[in-house]
C-alpha atoms as a PDB file:
ATOM      1  CA  UNK A   1     124.068 212.827 286.054  1.00  0.00           C
ATOM      2  CA  UNK A   2     126.050 213.977 282.696  1.00  0.00           C
ATOM      3  CA  UNK A   3     123.658 215.447 280.144  1.00  0.00           C
ATOM      4  CA  UNK A   4     123.125 214.680 276.390  1.00  0.00           C
ATOM      5  CA  UNK A   5     124.621 217.669 274.916  1.00  0.00           C
ATOM      6  CA  UNK A   6     123.134 219.630 272.162  1.00  0.00           C
ATOM      7  CA  UNK A   7     124.559 222.565 272.046  1.00  0.00           C
ATOM      8  CA  UNK A   8     126.205 222.003 268.161  1.00  0.00           C
ATOM      9  CA  UNK A   9     123.019 220.598 267.353  1.00  0.00           C
ATOM     10  CA  UNK A  10     120.489 222.716 266.999  1.00  0.00           C
ATOM     11  CA  UNK A  11     116.878 221.172 267.943  1.00  0.00           C
ATOM     12  CA  UNK A  12     115.099 222.833 264.615  1.00  0.00           C
ATOM     13  CA  UNK A  13     117.906 220.960 262.582  1.00  0.00           C
ATOM     14  CA  UNK A  14     117.403 217.590 263.604  1.00  0.00           C
ATOM     15  CA  UNK A  15     113.763 217.034 264.147  1.00  0.00           C
ATOM     16  CA  UNK A  16     113.253 218.098 260.748  1.00  0.00           C
ATOM     17  CA  UNK A  17     115.477 215.570 258.989  1.00  0.00           C
ATOM     18  CA  UNK A  18     113.830 213.684 256.423  1.00  0.00           C
ATOM     19  CA  UNK A  19     113.759 209.826 257.501  1.00  0.00           C
ATOM     20  CA  UNK A  20     114.837 208.812 253.926  1.00  0.00           C
ATOM     21  CA  UNK A  21     117.832 211.614 254.571  1.00  0.00           C
ATOM     22  CA  UNK A  22     118.845 210.279 258.117  1.00  0.00           C
ATOM     23  CA  UNK A  23     118.954 206.511 257.266  1.00  0.00           C
ATOM     24  CA  UNK A  24     121.468 205.530 255.277  1.00  0.00           C
ATOM     25  CA  UNK A  25     120.482 202.694 252.428  1.00  0.00           C
ATOM     26  CA  UNK A  26     122.557 199.673 253.747  1.00  0.00           C
ATOM     27  CA  UNK A  27     119.901 197.182 254.802  1.00  0.00           C
ATOM     28  CA  UNK A  28     122.292 195.703 257.226  1.00  0.00           C
ATOM     29  CA  UNK A  29     121.920 198.664 259.614  1.00  0.00           C
ATOM     30  CA  UNK A  30     117.965 197.586 260.071  1.00  0.00           C
ATOM     31  CA  UNK A  31     118.418 193.763 260.380  1.00  0.00           C
ATOM     32  CA  UNK A  32     117.152 192.445 263.613  1.00  0.00           C
ATOM     33  CA  UNK A  33     119.752 189.243 263.664  1.00  0.00           C
ATOM     34  CA  UNK A  34     122.336 192.171 264.070  1.00  0.00           C
ATOM     35  CA  UNK A  35     120.349 193.886 267.386  1.00  0.00           C
ATOM     36  CA  UNK A  36     119.104 196.521 265.168  1.00  0.00           C
ATOM     37  CA  UNK A  37     115.824 198.416 265.954  1.00  0.00           C
ATOM     38  CA  UNK A  38     113.416 200.396 263.850  1.00  0.00           C
ATOM     39  CA  UNK A  39     111.956 203.723 265.581  1.00  0.00           C
ATOM     40  CA  UNK A  40     108.462 203.142 264.538  1.00  0.00           C
ATOM     41  CA  UNK A  41     109.233 200.040 267.079  1.00  0.00           C
ATOM     42  CA  UNK A  42     110.791 202.307 269.719  1.00  0.00           C
ATOM     43  CA  UNK A  43     107.962 204.853 270.001  1.00  0.00           C
ATOM     44  CA  UNK A  44     105.633 202.604 270.655  1.00  0.00           C
ATOM     45  CA  UNK A  45     107.131 200.438 272.842  1.00  0.00           C
ATOM     46  CA  UNK A  46     110.251 202.702 274.367  1.00  0.00           C
ATOM     47  CA  UNK A  47     112.376 199.505 274.778  1.00  0.00           C
ATOM     48  CA  UNK A  48     115.684 199.775 274.082  1.00  0.00           C
ATOM     49  CA  UNK A  49     115.915 196.570 271.699  1.00  0.00           C
ATOM     50  CA  UNK A  50     113.969 198.938 269.253  1.00  0.00           C
ATOM     51  CA  UNK A  51     115.969 201.876 269.715  1.00  0.00           C
ATOM     52  CA  UNK A  52     117.921 203.032 266.278  1.00  0.00           C
ATOM     53  CA  UNK A  53     120.974 201.123 266.016  1.00  0.00           C
ATOM     54  CA  UNK A  54     122.350 198.012 266.725  1.00  0.00           C
ATOM     55  CA  UNK A  55     123.927 196.270 269.694  1.00  0.00           C
ATOM     56  CA  UNK A  56     125.236 192.532 268.253  1.00  0.00           C
ATOM     57  CA  UNK A  57     127.898 192.040 265.637  1.00  0.00           C
ATOM     58  CA  UNK A  58     128.853 194.724 263.193  1.00  0.00           C
ATOM     59  CA  UNK A  59     130.807 194.865 259.662  1.00  0.00           C
ATOM     60  CA  UNK A  60     133.995 195.469 260.137  1.00  0.00           C
ATOM     61  CA  UNK A  61     133.708 198.637 257.680  1.00  0.00           C
ATOM     62  CA  UNK A  62     130.679 200.012 260.058  1.00  0.00           C
ATOM     63  CA  UNK A  63     131.108 203.715 260.101  1.00  0.00           C
ATOM     64  CA  UNK A  64     132.181 205.553 263.446  1.00  0.00           C
ATOM     65  CA  UNK A  65     129.192 206.755 264.411  1.00  0.00           C
ATOM     66  CA  UNK A  66     127.542 203.555 263.959  1.00  0.00           C
ATOM     67  CA  UNK A  67     129.937 201.838 266.125  1.00  0.00           C
ATOM     68  CA  UNK A  68     129.114 205.151 268.596  1.00  0.00           C
ATOM     69  CA  UNK A  69     125.546 203.963 268.640  1.00  0.00           C
ATOM     70  CA  UNK A  70     126.240 200.165 268.960  1.00  0.00           C
ATOM     71  CA  UNK A  71     128.465 201.081 272.139  1.00  0.00           C
ATOM     72  CA  UNK A  72     125.976 203.210 273.447  1.00  0.00           C
ATOM     73  CA  UNK A  73     122.615 201.152 272.980  1.00  0.00           C
ATOM     74  CA  UNK A  74     124.614 197.964 274.466  1.00  0.00           C
ATOM     75  CA  UNK A  75     125.112 199.712 277.448  1.00  0.00           C
ATOM     76  CA  UNK A  76     121.171 201.362 277.802  1.00  0.00           C
ATOM     77  CA  UNK A  77     120.416 197.470 277.138  1.00  0.00           C
ATOM     78  CA  UNK A  78     122.361 196.297 280.014  1.00  0.00           C
ATOM     79  CA  UNK A  79     120.769 199.053 282.356  1.00  0.00           C
ATOM     80  CA  UNK A  80     117.298 198.221 281.061  1.00  0.00           C
ATOM     81  CA  UNK A  81     118.044 194.622 282.008  1.00  0.00           C
ATOM     82  CA  UNK A  82     118.652 195.503 285.270  1.00  0.00           C
ATOM     83  CA  UNK A  83     115.852 197.824 286.171  1.00  0.00           C
ATOM     84  CA  UNK A  84     113.872 194.401 284.743  1.00  0.00           C
ATOM     85  CA  UNK A  85     115.458 192.634 287.350  1.00  0.00           C
ATOM     86  CA  UNK A  86     113.998 194.984 290.135  1.00  0.00           C
ATOM     87  CA  UNK A  87     117.476 196.862 290.857  1.00  0.00           C
ATOM     88  CA  UNK A  88     119.116 199.694 290.202  1.00  0.00           C
ATOM     89  CA  UNK A  89     123.025 199.523 290.848  1.00  0.00           C
ATOM     90  CA  UNK A  90     125.336 200.819 288.023  1.00  0.00           C
ATOM     91  CA  UNK A  91     122.235 201.915 286.196  1.00  0.00           C
ATOM     92  CA  UNK A  92     122.917 205.700 286.367  1.00  0.00           C
ATOM     93  CA  UNK A  93     126.802 204.776 285.486  1.00  0.00           C
ATOM     94  CA  UNK A  94     125.934 202.890 282.402  1.00  0.00           C
ATOM     95  CA  UNK A  95     123.441 205.575 281.661  1.00  0.00           C
ATOM     96  CA  UNK A  96     126.016 208.661 282.024  1.00  0.00           C
ATOM     97  CA  UNK A  97     128.674 206.213 279.385  1.00  0.00           C
ATOM     98  CA  UNK A  98     126.079 205.659 277.136  1.00  0.00           C
ATOM     99  CA  UNK A  99     125.708 209.750 276.987  1.00  0.00           C
ATOM    100  CA  UNK A 100     128.785 210.763 276.834  1.00  0.00           C
ATOM    101  CA  UNK A 101     129.362 208.024 273.499  1.00  0.00           C
ATOM    102  CA  UNK A 102     126.654 209.608 271.910  1.00  0.00           C
ATOM    103  CA  UNK A 103     127.991 213.419 272.952  1.00  0.00           C
ATOM    104  CA  UNK A 104     131.581 212.582 271.064  1.00  0.00           C
ATOM    105  CA  UNK A 105     129.851 210.549 268.183  1.00  0.00           C
ATOM    106  CA  UNK A 106     131.046 211.858 264.840  1.00  0.00           C
ATOM    107  CA  UNK A 107     128.220 214.119 263.113  1.00  0.00           C
ATOM    108  CA  UNK A 108     126.900 212.398 260.399  1.00  0.00           C
ATOM    109  CA  UNK A 109     123.474 212.550 259.139  1.00  0.00           C
ATOM    110  CA  UNK A 110     121.871 208.884 260.739  1.00  0.00           C
ATOM    111  CA  UNK A 111     123.863 209.681 263.925  1.00  0.00           C
ATOM    112  CA  UNK A 112     122.324 213.426 264.038  1.00  0.00           C
ATOM    113  CA  UNK A 113     118.998 211.976 263.206  1.00  0.00           C
ATOM    114  CA  UNK A 114     119.005 209.235 266.081  1.00  0.00           C
ATOM    115  CA  UNK A 115     120.148 211.442 268.816  1.00  0.00           C
ATOM    116  CA  UNK A 116     117.032 212.571 270.074  1.00  0.00           C
ATOM    117  CA  UNK A 117     115.711 209.054 270.187  1.00  0.00           C
ATOM    118  CA  UNK A 118     119.019 208.251 272.640  1.00  0.00           C
ATOM    119  CA  UNK A 119     118.361 211.020 274.506  1.00  0.00           C
ATOM    120  CA  UNK A 120     114.549 209.813 275.261  1.00  0.00           C
ATOM    121  CA  UNK A 121     115.967 206.072 276.010  1.00  0.00           C
ATOM    122  CA  UNK A 122     117.839 207.487 279.074  1.00  0.00           C
ATOM    123  CA  UNK A 123     114.867 209.571 279.993  1.00  0.00           C
ATOM    124  CA  UNK A 124     112.831 206.559 279.486  1.00  0.00           C
ATOM    125  CA  UNK A 125     115.239 204.285 282.019  1.00  0.00           C
ATOM    126  CA  UNK A 126     115.501 207.262 284.335  1.00  0.00           C
ATOM    127  CA  UNK A 127     111.640 207.264 284.870  1.00  0.00           C
ATOM    128  CA  UNK A 128     112.042 203.953 285.346  1.00  0.00           C
ATOM    129  CA  UNK A 129     114.525 203.878 287.919  1.00  0.00           C
ATOM    130  CA  UNK A 130     112.672 206.435 289.789  1.00  0.00           C
ATOM    131  CA  UNK A 131     109.459 204.117 289.734  1.00  0.00           C
ATOM    132  CA  UNK A 132     111.390 201.151 291.224  1.00  0.00           C
ATOM    133  CA  UNK A 133     110.709 201.996 294.731  1.00  0.00           C
ATOM    134  CA  UNK A 134     106.779 202.499 293.749  1.00  0.00           C
ATOM    135  CA  UNK A 135     106.257 199.155 291.705  1.00  0.00           C
ATOM    136  CA  UNK A 136     105.976 196.775 295.039  1.00  0.00           C
ATOM    137  CA  UNK A 137     102.774 198.268 295.989  1.00  0.00           C
ATOM    138  CA  UNK A 138     101.546 198.986 292.812  1.00  0.00           C
ATOM    139  CA  UNK A 139     101.769 195.151 292.049  1.00  0.00           C
ATOM    140  CA  UNK A 140     100.622 193.984 295.532  1.00  0.00           C
ATOM    141  CA  UNK A 141      97.301 195.837 295.411  1.00  0.00           C
ATOM    142  CA  UNK A 142      96.932 195.052 291.671  1.00  0.00           C
ATOM    143  CA  UNK A 143      97.744 191.190 292.648  1.00  0.00           C
ATOM    144  CA  UNK A 144      95.217 191.583 295.182  1.00  0.00           C
ATOM    145  CA  UNK A 145      92.085 192.437 293.120  1.00  0.00           C
ATOM    146  CA  UNK A 146      92.846 190.096 290.198  1.00  0.00           C
ATOM    147  CA  UNK A 147      93.213 187.244 292.830  1.00  0.00           C
ATOM    148  CA  UNK A 148      89.581 188.082 294.101  1.00  0.00           C
ATOM    149  CA  UNK A 149      88.245 188.201 290.444  1.00  0.00           C
ATOM    150  CA  UNK A 150      89.872 184.729 290.082  1.00  0.00           C
ATOM    151  CA  UNK A 151      87.521 183.283 292.558  1.00  0.00           C
ATOM    152  CA  UNK A 152      84.282 181.409 290.924  1.00  0.00           C
ATOM    153  CA  UNK A 153      81.895 184.067 293.406  1.00  0.00           C
ATOM    154  CA  UNK A 154      83.951 186.983 294.265  1.00  0.00           C
ATOM    155  CA  UNK A 155      82.300 188.825 296.965  1.00  0.00           C
ATOM    156  CA  UNK A 156      80.984 192.360 295.249  1.00  0.00           C
ATOM    157  CA  UNK A 157      82.200 194.418 298.426  1.00  0.00           C
ATOM    158  CA  UNK A 158      85.492 193.034 298.591  1.00  0.00           C
ATOM    159  CA  UNK A 159      86.154 193.472 294.879  1.00  0.00           C
ATOM    160  CA  UNK A 160      85.461 197.127 295.271  1.00  0.00           C
ATOM    161  CA  UNK A 161      87.667 197.884 298.320  1.00  0.00           C
ATOM    162  CA  UNK A 162      90.388 196.415 296.502  1.00  0.00           C
ATOM    163  CA  UNK A 163      89.652 198.168 293.278  1.00  0.00           C
ATOM    164  CA  UNK A 164      89.500 201.385 295.417  1.00  0.00           C
ATOM    165  CA  UNK A 165      93.008 200.432 297.336  1.00  0.00           C
ATOM    166  CA  UNK A 166      94.232 199.631 294.069  1.00  0.00           C
ATOM    167  CA  UNK A 167      93.267 202.807 292.310  1.00  0.00           C
ATOM    168  CA  UNK A 168      94.917 205.093 295.355  1.00  0.00           C
ATOM    169  CA  UNK A 169      98.432 202.973 295.110  1.00  0.00           C
ATOM    170  CA  UNK A 170      98.304 204.056 291.241  1.00  0.00           C
ATOM    171  CA  UNK A 171      97.506 207.715 292.146  1.00  0.00           C
ATOM    172  CA  UNK A 172      99.537 207.971 295.055  1.00  0.00           C
ATOM    173  CA  UNK A 173     102.164 206.739 292.309  1.00  0.00           C
ATOM    174  CA  UNK A 174     101.608 209.254 289.750  1.00  0.00           C
ATOM    175  CA  UNK A 175     101.669 212.030 292.645  1.00  0.00           C
ATOM    176  CA  UNK A 176     104.850 211.664 293.619  1.00  0.00           C
ATOM    177  CA  UNK A 177     106.182 211.768 290.259  1.00  0.00           C
ATOM    178  CA  UNK A 178     105.962 208.437 288.591  1.00  0.00           C
ATOM    179  CA  UNK A 179     104.933 208.147 285.109  1.00  0.00           C
ATOM    180  CA  UNK A 180     102.060 205.999 284.197  1.00  0.00           C
ATOM    181  CA  UNK A 181     102.557 205.720 280.498  1.00  0.00           C
ATOM    182  CA  UNK A 182     105.639 203.271 281.581  1.00  0.00           C
ATOM    183  CA  UNK A 183     104.584 199.691 280.628  1.00  0.00           C
ATOM    184  CA  UNK A 184     105.576 196.805 282.950  1.00  0.00           C
ATOM    185  CA  UNK A 185     104.317 193.241 283.439  1.00  0.00           C
ATOM    186  CA  UNK A 186     102.647 193.501 286.591  1.00  0.00           C
ATOM    187  CA  UNK A 187     101.316 190.309 286.768  1.00  0.00           C
ATOM    188  CA  UNK A 188     103.958 187.342 285.893  1.00  0.00           C
ATOM    189  CA  UNK A 189     103.355 185.615 282.360  1.00  0.00           C
ATOM    190  CA  UNK A 190     101.128 188.230 281.518  1.00  0.00           C
ATOM    191  CA  UNK A 191     102.093 191.156 278.784  1.00  0.00           C
ATOM    192  CA  UNK A 192     103.567 194.652 278.807  1.00  0.00           C
ATOM    193  CA  UNK A 193     100.735 197.236 279.954  1.00  0.00           C
ATOM    194  CA  UNK A 194     101.463 200.991 280.527  1.00  0.00           C
ATOM    195  CA  UNK A 195     100.848 201.655 284.094  1.00  0.00           C
ATOM    196  CA  UNK A 196      97.220 203.717 283.287  1.00  0.00           C
ATOM    197  CA  UNK A 197      95.805 200.905 281.801  1.00  0.00           C
ATOM    198  CA  UNK A 198      96.196 199.071 285.142  1.00  0.00           C
ATOM    199  CA  UNK A 199      94.833 201.912 286.776  1.00  0.00           C
ATOM    200  CA  UNK A 200      91.729 201.897 284.826  1.00  0.00           C
ATOM    201  CA  UNK A 201      91.327 198.586 285.126  1.00  0.00           C
ATOM    202  CA  UNK A 202      91.106 199.038 288.843  1.00  0.00           C
ATOM    203  CA  UNK A 203      89.000 202.066 288.582  1.00  0.00           C
ATOM    204  CA  UNK A 204      86.371 199.673 286.648  1.00  0.00           C
ATOM    205  CA  UNK A 205      86.666 197.216 289.735  1.00  0.00           C
ATOM    206  CA  UNK A 206      86.032 199.833 291.673  1.00  0.00           C
ATOM    207  CA  UNK A 207      82.421 200.973 290.315  1.00  0.00           C
ATOM    208  CA  UNK A 208      81.768 197.163 288.783  1.00  0.00           C
ATOM    209  CA  UNK A 209      78.126 196.384 288.311  1.00  0.00           C
ATOM    210  CA  UNK A 210      78.349 193.624 291.173  1.00  0.00           C
ATOM    211  CA  UNK A 211      79.878 196.156 293.681  1.00  0.00           C
ATOM    212  CA  UNK A 212      77.388 198.960 292.673  1.00  0.00           C
ATOM    213  CA  UNK A 213      74.284 196.726 293.206  1.00  0.00           C
ATOM    214  CA  UNK A 214      76.218 195.290 296.671  1.00  0.00           C
ATOM    215  CA  UNK A 215      76.314 198.861 297.384  1.00  0.00           C
ATOM    216  CA  UNK A 216      72.644 199.793 296.426  1.00  0.00           C
ATOM    217  CA  UNK A 217      70.800 196.928 298.908  1.00  0.00           C
ATOM    218  CA  UNK A 218      69.938 199.667 301.919  1.00  0.00           C
ATOM    219  CA  UNK A 219      71.871 198.738 305.076  1.00  0.00           C
ATOM    220  CA  UNK A 220      69.536 198.596 308.020  1.00  0.00           C
ATOM    221  CA  UNK A 221      71.898 200.781 310.380  1.00  0.00           C
ATOM    222  CA  UNK A 222      72.677 203.428 307.939  1.00  0.00           C
ATOM    223  CA  UNK A 223      71.293 206.464 308.187  1.00  0.00           C
ATOM    224  CA  UNK A 224      69.066 207.964 305.784  1.00  0.00           C
ATOM    225  CA  UNK A 225      71.088 210.664 303.827  1.00  0.00           C
ATOM    226  CA  UNK A 226      70.555 214.411 304.676  1.00  0.00           C
ATOM    227  CA  UNK A 227      70.122 217.022 302.487  1.00  0.00           C
ATOM    228  CA  UNK A 228      73.384 218.836 303.777  1.00  0.00           C
ATOM    229  CA  UNK A 229      74.903 215.510 302.422  1.00  0.00           C
ATOM    230  CA  UNK A 230      73.506 215.717 299.306  1.00  0.00           C
ATOM    231  CA  UNK A 231      74.888 219.686 298.912  1.00  0.00           C
ATOM    232  CA  UNK A 232      78.350 218.358 300.365  1.00  0.00           C
ATOM    233  CA  UNK A 233      78.448 216.085 297.311  1.00  0.00           C
ATOM    234  CA  UNK A 234      77.622 218.648 294.986  1.00  0.00           C
ATOM    235  CA  UNK A 235      79.694 221.071 296.129  1.00  0.00           C
ATOM    236  CA  UNK A 236      83.206 218.355 296.089  1.00  0.00           C
ATOM    237  CA  UNK A 237      82.434 217.748 292.178  1.00  0.00           C
ATOM    238  CA  UNK A 238      83.808 221.370 291.398  1.00  0.00           C
ATOM    239  CA  UNK A 239      86.528 221.266 293.853  1.00  0.00           C
ATOM    240  CA  UNK A 240      87.321 217.988 292.169  1.00  0.00           C
ATOM    241  CA  UNK A 241      87.742 219.360 288.707  1.00  0.00           C
ATOM    242  CA  UNK A 242      89.838 222.079 289.703  1.00  0.00           C
ATOM    243  CA  UNK A 243      92.100 219.560 291.071  1.00  0.00           C
ATOM    244  CA  UNK A 244      92.467 217.667 288.414  1.00  0.00           C
ATOM    245  CA  UNK A 245      92.706 221.123 285.837  1.00  0.00           C
ATOM    246  CA  UNK A 246      95.668 222.255 288.074  1.00  0.00           C
ATOM    247  CA  UNK A 247      97.014 219.110 287.861  1.00  0.00           C
ATOM    248  CA  UNK A 248      97.523 219.122 283.877  1.00  0.00           C
ATOM    249  CA  UNK A 249      98.702 215.549 283.277  1.00  0.00           C
ATOM    250  CA  UNK A 250      98.060 213.331 280.493  1.00  0.00           C
ATOM    251  CA  UNK A 251      94.246 213.622 280.712  1.00  0.00           C
ATOM    252  CA  UNK A 252      94.185 209.305 280.255  1.00  0.00           C
ATOM    253  CA  UNK A 253      94.735 210.553 276.664  1.00  0.00           C
ATOM    254  CA  UNK A 254      97.581 208.227 274.855  1.00  0.00           C
ATOM    255  CA  UNK A 255     100.669 210.035 273.006  1.00  0.00           C
ATOM    256  CA  UNK A 256      99.620 209.763 269.859  1.00  0.00           C
ATOM    257  CA  UNK A 257      96.903 211.961 269.921  1.00  0.00           C
ATOM    258  CA  UNK A 258      98.499 214.582 272.164  1.00  0.00           C
ATOM    259  CA  UNK A 259     101.119 214.281 268.674  1.00  0.00           C
ATOM    260  CA  UNK A 260      98.204 214.976 266.324  1.00  0.00           C
ATOM    261  CA  UNK A 261      96.705 218.006 268.315  1.00  0.00           C
ATOM    262  CA  UNK A 262      99.640 219.822 269.289  1.00  0.00           C
ATOM    263  CA  UNK A 263     100.934 222.472 266.655  1.00  0.00           C
ATOM    264  CA  UNK A 264     104.601 223.864 266.738  1.00  0.00           C
ATOM    265  CA  UNK A 265     107.006 224.537 269.200  1.00  0.00           C
ATOM    266  CA  UNK A 266     104.361 222.850 272.052  1.00  0.00           C
ATOM    267  CA  UNK A 267     105.165 219.835 269.530  1.00  0.00           C
ATOM    268  CA  UNK A 268     108.541 219.694 269.723  1.00  0.00           C
ATOM    269  CA  UNK A 269     108.704 220.106 273.427  1.00  0.00           C
ATOM    270  CA  UNK A 270     106.209 217.094 273.538  1.00  0.00           C
ATOM    271  CA  UNK A 271     108.192 215.075 271.533  1.00  0.00           C
ATOM    272  CA  UNK A 272     111.817 216.012 273.157  1.00  0.00           C
ATOM    273  CA  UNK A 273     110.111 214.540 276.540  1.00  0.00           C
ATOM    274  CA  UNK A 274     109.039 211.125 275.634  1.00  0.00           C
ATOM    275  CA  UNK A 275     108.716 209.428 279.067  1.00  0.00           C
ATOM    276  CA  UNK A 276     106.256 212.581 280.383  1.00  0.00           C
ATOM    277  CA  UNK A 277     103.176 214.725 280.485  1.00  0.00           C
ATOM    278  CA  UNK A 278     103.615 218.926 281.110  1.00  0.00           C
ATOM    279  CA  UNK A 279     101.734 219.767 283.996  1.00  0.00           C
ATOM    280  CA  UNK A 280      99.681 222.703 283.227  1.00  0.00           C
ATOM    281  CA  UNK A 281      96.957 224.823 284.503  1.00  0.00           C
ATOM    282  CA  UNK A 282      93.597 224.198 282.048  1.00  0.00           C
ATOM    283  CA  UNK A 283      92.316 220.946 281.372  1.00  0.00           C
ATOM    284  CA  UNK A 284      93.369 217.638 281.306  1.00  0.00           C
ATOM    285  CA  UNK A 285      94.900 216.196 278.240  1.00  0.00           C
ATOM    286  CA  UNK A 286      95.826 217.454 275.011  1.00  0.00           C
ATOM    287  CA  UNK A 287      93.441 220.555 274.401  1.00  0.00           C
ATOM    288  CA  UNK A 288      93.981 222.227 277.740  1.00  0.00           C
ATOM    289  CA  UNK A 289      97.628 221.826 276.968  1.00  0.00           C
ATOM    290  CA  UNK A 290      97.272 223.462 273.601  1.00  0.00           C
ATOM    291  CA  UNK A 291      96.058 226.356 275.396  1.00  0.00           C
ATOM    292  CA  UNK A 292      98.285 226.691 278.540  1.00  0.00           C
ATOM    293  CA  UNK A 293     100.621 229.539 278.531  1.00  0.00           C
ATOM    294  CA  UNK A 294     103.144 227.528 280.563  1.00  0.00           C
ATOM    295  CA  UNK A 295     104.054 224.030 281.064  1.00  0.00           C
ATOM    296  CA  UNK A 296     106.198 222.217 283.865  1.00  0.00           C
ATOM    297  CA  UNK A 297     108.764 219.300 283.447  1.00  0.00           C
ATOM    298  CA  UNK A 298     109.891 218.964 287.047  1.00  0.00           C
ATOM    299  CA  UNK A 299     111.473 222.407 287.582  1.00  0.00           C
ATOM    300  CA  UNK A 300     111.993 222.788 283.917  1.00  0.00           C
ATOM    301  CA  UNK A 301     109.195 225.442 283.174  1.00  0.00           C
ATOM    302  CA  UNK A 302     108.517 226.401 279.069  1.00  0.00           C
ATOM    303  CA  UNK A 303     106.649 229.344 278.559  1.00  0.00           C
ATOM    304  CA  UNK A 304     104.325 229.743 274.996  1.00  0.00           C
ATOM    305  CA  UNK A 305     102.851 232.486 272.876  1.00  0.00           C
ATOM    306  CA  UNK A 306     100.414 230.901 270.683  1.00  0.00           C
ATOM    307  CA  UNK A 307     102.199 227.897 269.532  1.00  0.00           C
ATOM    308  CA  UNK A 308     105.449 229.419 269.998  1.00  0.00           C
ATOM    309  CA  UNK A 309     108.185 229.054 272.777  1.00  0.00           C
ATOM    310  CA  UNK A 310     109.142 232.168 274.615  1.00  0.00           C
ATOM    311  CA  UNK A 311     112.800 232.186 275.050  1.00  0.00           C
ATOM    312  CA  UNK A 312     114.051 234.137 278.149  1.00  0.00           C
END
């Protein structure tokens, strides 16, 4: 995989470029009829159509940088379309070509401003490619739950069991490196939603009032709980909390709230990894991330002292 090169472009420099300076005044660069995207929409959807740049017809006098962004965005959109169809053939080649185009793009204010968002787009598509093998099971378990809930009188125990199976499938996907912030349409005809929202729905079904009422009904064949069983339940809670703390992850908190909580270099590093949340020791979510001395993104290890990144 070819990597985006930022050796000649200091990270701090282009992150601090004002939006007004980075974007040219020509309004055609934001014309949706030309396939032009808006960064505010891209930050919300992470869809290539919303990526800065235009993949439609350009003006004949378009600057070289705008042409490079056009060609790179067109390739990324083609890669996204392949992934939307549940396939991956040719995706990596298109990502590599897009990266090469942006690496060779001329230095100007708008292109330099857009480079980070193109890097984010590539990372999102790479994450989606890694998620492909996990999606069938997520769709299957989520559909089983929705089919039960669609019944006139769904069986409470069956709904609870389907909810548990659904939660397990999503947790396995996340443990296996899947990013639950990615948006998908798990049910045909529904809207795109982050996988995290589907997980929340499954979790609610697992503990739904109807299921809880069924679970509370005494089973004549069941043995009464012993003191040892109760104690064992208590000792499991700290262990579960410790395991969750060690995992780091997003803590169920949206990226927007992370960005508000994090400061300094921590915020810059977080924004540079738009498709993932850091793994760290401590309380899951932005509060724990703001205190952790070390973050991990896969094999990448980033150390902090306060809000400043420690360079090794």
